[in-house]
């Protein structure tokens, strides 16, 4: 008579399946977190690009004497709220402070710069 140890192999299978399930769970959680971080970074990059291009446009307008007074405006670009503030600096001749704020939900990108009018 031979004794079979079928119970031992089934316990091994259950343990190996539980280890595999834990590893798959860990990989899936890390992939989900990477996906979330990637989407968040894409939004931040897009906000920064909008702020920079708006700042460059306003700088050119000030340098070419198209803007000569204080200015405050809110605009919507691609579901982002863009706030533009231009203030004439009273201590310096033809110097303007430009503030660009891009906001979506709770994320904010803010760029500040000074421009001299020619």
C-alpha atoms as a PDB file:
ATOM      1  CA  UNK A   1       0.000   0.000   0.000  1.00  0.00           C
ATOM      2  CA  UNK A   2       1.096   3.438  -0.879  1.00  0.00           C
ATOM      3  CA  UNK A   3       0.136   6.485   1.097  1.00  0.00           C
ATOM      4  CA  UNK A   4      -0.546   9.594  -0.979  1.00  0.00           C
ATOM      5  CA  UNK A   5       0.124  12.992   0.516  1.00  0.00           C
ATOM      6  CA  UNK A   6      -2.440  14.921  -1.534  1.00  0.00           C
ATOM      7  CA  UNK A   7      -3.149  17.300   1.336  1.00  0.00           C
ATOM      8  CA  UNK A   8       0.403  18.626   1.317  1.00  0.00           C
ATOM      9  CA  UNK A   9       0.326  19.544  -2.410  1.00  0.00           C
ATOM     10  CA  UNK A  10      -3.048  21.274  -2.117  1.00  0.00           C
ATOM     11  CA  UNK A  11      -1.734  23.419   0.775  1.00  0.00           C
ATOM     12  CA  UNK A  12       1.279  24.327  -1.371  1.00  0.00           C
ATOM     13  CA  UNK A  13      -1.057  25.389  -4.195  1.00  0.00           C
ATOM     14  CA  UNK A  14      -3.176  27.539  -1.876  1.00  0.00           C
ATOM     15  CA  UNK A  15      -0.100  29.259  -0.431  1.00  0.00           C
ATOM     16  CA  UNK A  16       1.415  29.900  -3.870  1.00  0.00           C
ATOM     17  CA  UNK A  17      -1.907  31.288  -5.186  1.00  0.00           C
ATOM     18  CA  UNK A  18      -2.193  33.641  -2.217  1.00  0.00           C
ATOM     19  CA  UNK A  19       1.376  34.878  -2.794  1.00  0.00           C
ATOM     20  CA  UNK A  20       0.625  35.443  -6.490  1.00  0.00           C
ATOM     21  CA  UNK A  21      -2.593  37.324  -5.604  1.00  0.00           C
ATOM     22  CA  UNK A  22      -0.712  39.601  -3.205  1.00  0.00           C
ATOM     23  CA  UNK A  23       1.950  40.342  -5.846  1.00  0.00           C
ATOM     24  CA  UNK A  24      -0.682  41.108  -8.505  1.00  0.00           C
ATOM     25  CA  UNK A  25      -2.484  43.419  -6.076  1.00  0.00           C
ATOM     26  CA  UNK A  26       0.750  45.298  -5.312  1.00  0.00           C
ATOM     27  CA  UNK A  27       1.537  45.752  -9.009  1.00  0.00           C
ATOM     28  CA  UNK A  28      -1.989  46.935  -9.824  1.00  0.00           C
ATOM     29  CA  UNK A  29      -1.955  49.506  -6.991  1.00  0.00           C
ATOM     30  CA  UNK A  30       1.406  50.894  -8.105  1.00  0.00           C
ATOM     31  CA  UNK A  31       0.225  51.144 -11.734  1.00  0.00           C
ATOM     32  CA  UNK A  32      -2.913  53.000 -10.632  1.00  0.00           C
ATOM     33  CA  UNK A  33      -0.836  55.451  -8.592  1.00  0.00           C
ATOM     34  CA  UNK A  34       1.469  56.039 -11.564  1.00  0.00           C
ATOM     35  CA  UNK A  35      -1.565  56.730 -13.773  1.00  0.00           C
ATOM     36  CA  UNK A  36      -2.926  59.244 -11.240  1.00  0.00           C
ATOM     37  CA  UNK A  37       0.431  61.046 -10.929  1.00  0.00           C
ATOM     38  CA  UNK A  38       0.827  61.178 -14.715  1.00  0.00           C
ATOM     39  CA  UNK A  39      -2.597  62.787 -15.209  1.00  0.00           C
ATOM     40  CA  UNK A  40      -1.871  65.284 -12.456  1.00  0.00           C
ATOM     41  CA  UNK A  41       1.477  66.225 -14.026  1.00  0.00           C
ATOM     42  CA  UNK A  42      -0.081  66.692 -17.471  1.00  0.00           C
ATOM     43  CA  UNK A  43      -2.518  69.198 -15.978  1.00  0.00           C
ATOM     44  CA  UNK A  44       0.293  71.081 -14.224  1.00  0.00           C
ATOM     45  CA  UNK A  45       2.388  71.228 -17.400  1.00  0.00           C
ATOM     46  CA  UNK A  46      -0.562  72.532 -19.406  1.00  0.00           C
ATOM     47  CA  UNK A  47      -1.249  75.199 -16.764  1.00  0.00           C
ATOM     48  CA  UNK A  48       2.382  76.302 -16.807  1.00  0.00           C
ATOM     49  CA  UNK A  49       2.421  76.522 -20.622  1.00  0.00           C
ATOM     50  CA  UNK A  50      -0.742  78.646 -20.648  1.00  0.00           C
ATOM     51  CA  UNK A  51       0.713  80.969 -18.007  1.00  0.00           C
ATOM     52  CA  UNK A  52       4.008  81.354 -19.873  1.00  0.00           C
ATOM     53  CA  UNK A  53       2.435  82.043 -23.254  1.00  0.00           C
ATOM     54  CA  UNK A  54       0.042  84.594 -21.709  1.00  0.00           C
ATOM     55  CA  UNK A  55       2.930  86.267 -19.894  1.00  0.00           C
ATOM     56  CA  UNK A  56       4.976  86.487 -23.107  1.00  0.00           C
ATOM     57  CA  UNK A  57       2.025  87.998 -24.986  1.00  0.00           C
ATOM     58  CA  UNK A  58       1.445  90.642 -22.311  1.00  0.00           C
ATOM     59  CA  UNK A  59       5.166  91.475 -22.157  1.00  0.00           C
ATOM     60  CA  UNK A  60       5.206  92.098 -25.908  1.00  0.00           C
ATOM     61  CA  UNK A  61       2.082  94.255 -25.630  1.00  0.00           C
ATOM     62  CA  UNK A  62       3.653  96.381 -22.900  1.00  0.00           C
ATOM     63  CA  UNK A  63       6.935  96.765 -24.779  1.00  0.00           C
ATOM     64  CA  UNK A  64       5.077  97.910 -27.893  1.00  0.00           C
ATOM     65  CA  UNK A  65       3.073 100.522 -25.908  1.00  0.00           C
ATOM     66  CA  UNK A  66      -0.260  98.719 -26.432  1.00  0.00           C
ATOM     67  CA  UNK A  67      -0.920  98.668 -22.682  1.00  0.00           C
ATOM     68  CA  UNK A  68      -0.265 101.820 -20.699  1.00  0.00           C
ATOM     69  CA  UNK A  69      -2.418 101.559 -17.572  1.00  0.00           C
ATOM     70  CA  UNK A  70      -3.381  99.148 -14.822  1.00  0.00           C
ATOM     71  CA  UNK A  71      -5.269  96.103 -16.041  1.00  0.00           C
ATOM     72  CA  UNK A  72      -7.156  93.304 -14.331  1.00  0.00           C
ATOM     73  CA  UNK A  73      -8.942  90.585 -16.300  1.00  0.00           C
ATOM     74  CA  UNK A  74     -10.150  87.010 -15.905  1.00  0.00           C
ATOM     75  CA  UNK A  75     -10.357  84.749 -18.940  1.00  0.00           C
ATOM     76  CA  UNK A  76     -11.084  81.056 -19.529  1.00  0.00           C
ATOM     77  CA  UNK A  77      -8.725  79.016 -21.716  1.00  0.00           C
ATOM     78  CA  UNK A  78      -9.249  75.239 -22.104  1.00  0.00           C
ATOM     79  CA  UNK A  79     -11.281  75.002 -18.868  1.00  0.00           C
ATOM     80  CA  UNK A  80      -8.545  76.878 -16.987  1.00  0.00           C
ATOM     81  CA  UNK A  81      -9.272  80.221 -15.356  1.00  0.00           C
ATOM     82  CA  UNK A  82      -6.538  82.712 -16.297  1.00  0.00           C
ATOM     83  CA  UNK A  83      -6.272  85.846 -14.188  1.00  0.00           C
ATOM     84  CA  UNK A  84      -4.137  88.659 -15.624  1.00  0.00           C
ATOM     85  CA  UNK A  85      -3.059  91.588 -13.456  1.00  0.00           C
ATOM     86  CA  UNK A  86      -0.925  94.456 -14.728  1.00  0.00           C
ATOM     87  CA  UNK A  87       0.096  97.170 -12.299  1.00  0.00           C
ATOM     88  CA  UNK A  88       2.198 100.205 -13.067  1.00  0.00           C
ATOM     89  CA  UNK A  89       5.050 100.510 -10.593  1.00  0.00           C
ATOM     90  CA  UNK A  90       4.899 103.984  -9.125  1.00  0.00           C
ATOM     91  CA  UNK A  91       8.540 104.086  -8.049  1.00  0.00           C
ATOM     92  CA  UNK A  92      10.102 103.322 -11.435  1.00  0.00           C
ATOM     93  CA  UNK A  93       9.593 105.015 -14.763  1.00  0.00           C
ATOM     94  CA  UNK A  94       7.601 102.928 -17.298  1.00  0.00           C
ATOM     95  CA  UNK A  95       7.894  99.768 -15.234  1.00  0.00           C
ATOM     96  CA  UNK A  96       4.992  97.335 -14.975  1.00  0.00           C
ATOM     97  CA  UNK A  97       4.433  94.353 -12.728  1.00  0.00           C
ATOM     98  CA  UNK A  98       2.680  91.496 -14.525  1.00  0.00           C
ATOM     99  CA  UNK A  99       1.001  88.673 -12.594  1.00  0.00           C
ATOM    100  CA  UNK A 100      -0.523  85.658 -14.343  1.00  0.00           C
ATOM    101  CA  UNK A 101      -2.507  83.115 -12.319  1.00  0.00           C
ATOM    102  CA  UNK A 102      -3.828  79.946 -13.922  1.00  0.00           C
ATOM    103  CA  UNK A 103      -6.236  77.938 -11.820  1.00  0.00           C
ATOM    104  CA  UNK A 104      -8.249  74.768 -12.187  1.00  0.00           C
ATOM    105  CA  UNK A 105     -10.076  73.299  -9.212  1.00  0.00           C
ATOM    106  CA  UNK A 106      -7.502  73.633  -6.437  1.00  0.00           C
ATOM    107  CA  UNK A 107      -4.350  73.732  -8.519  1.00  0.00           C
ATOM    108  CA  UNK A 108      -2.757  77.142  -9.060  1.00  0.00           C
ATOM    109  CA  UNK A 109       0.187  78.247 -11.162  1.00  0.00           C
ATOM    110  CA  UNK A 110       1.337  81.836 -10.648  1.00  0.00           C
ATOM    111  CA  UNK A 111       3.960  83.710 -12.664  1.00  0.00           C
ATOM    112  CA  UNK A 112       5.174  87.216 -11.818  1.00  0.00           C
ATOM    113  CA  UNK A 113       7.438  89.439 -13.855  1.00  0.00           C
ATOM    114  CA  UNK A 114       8.487  93.055 -14.308  1.00  0.00           C
ATOM    115  CA  UNK A 115       8.529  94.670 -17.754  1.00  0.00           C
ATOM    116  CA  UNK A 116      10.021  97.965 -18.917  1.00  0.00           C
ATOM    117  CA  UNK A 117       8.151  99.862 -21.582  1.00  0.00           C
ATOM    118  CA  UNK A 118      10.265 101.082 -24.498  1.00  0.00           C
END
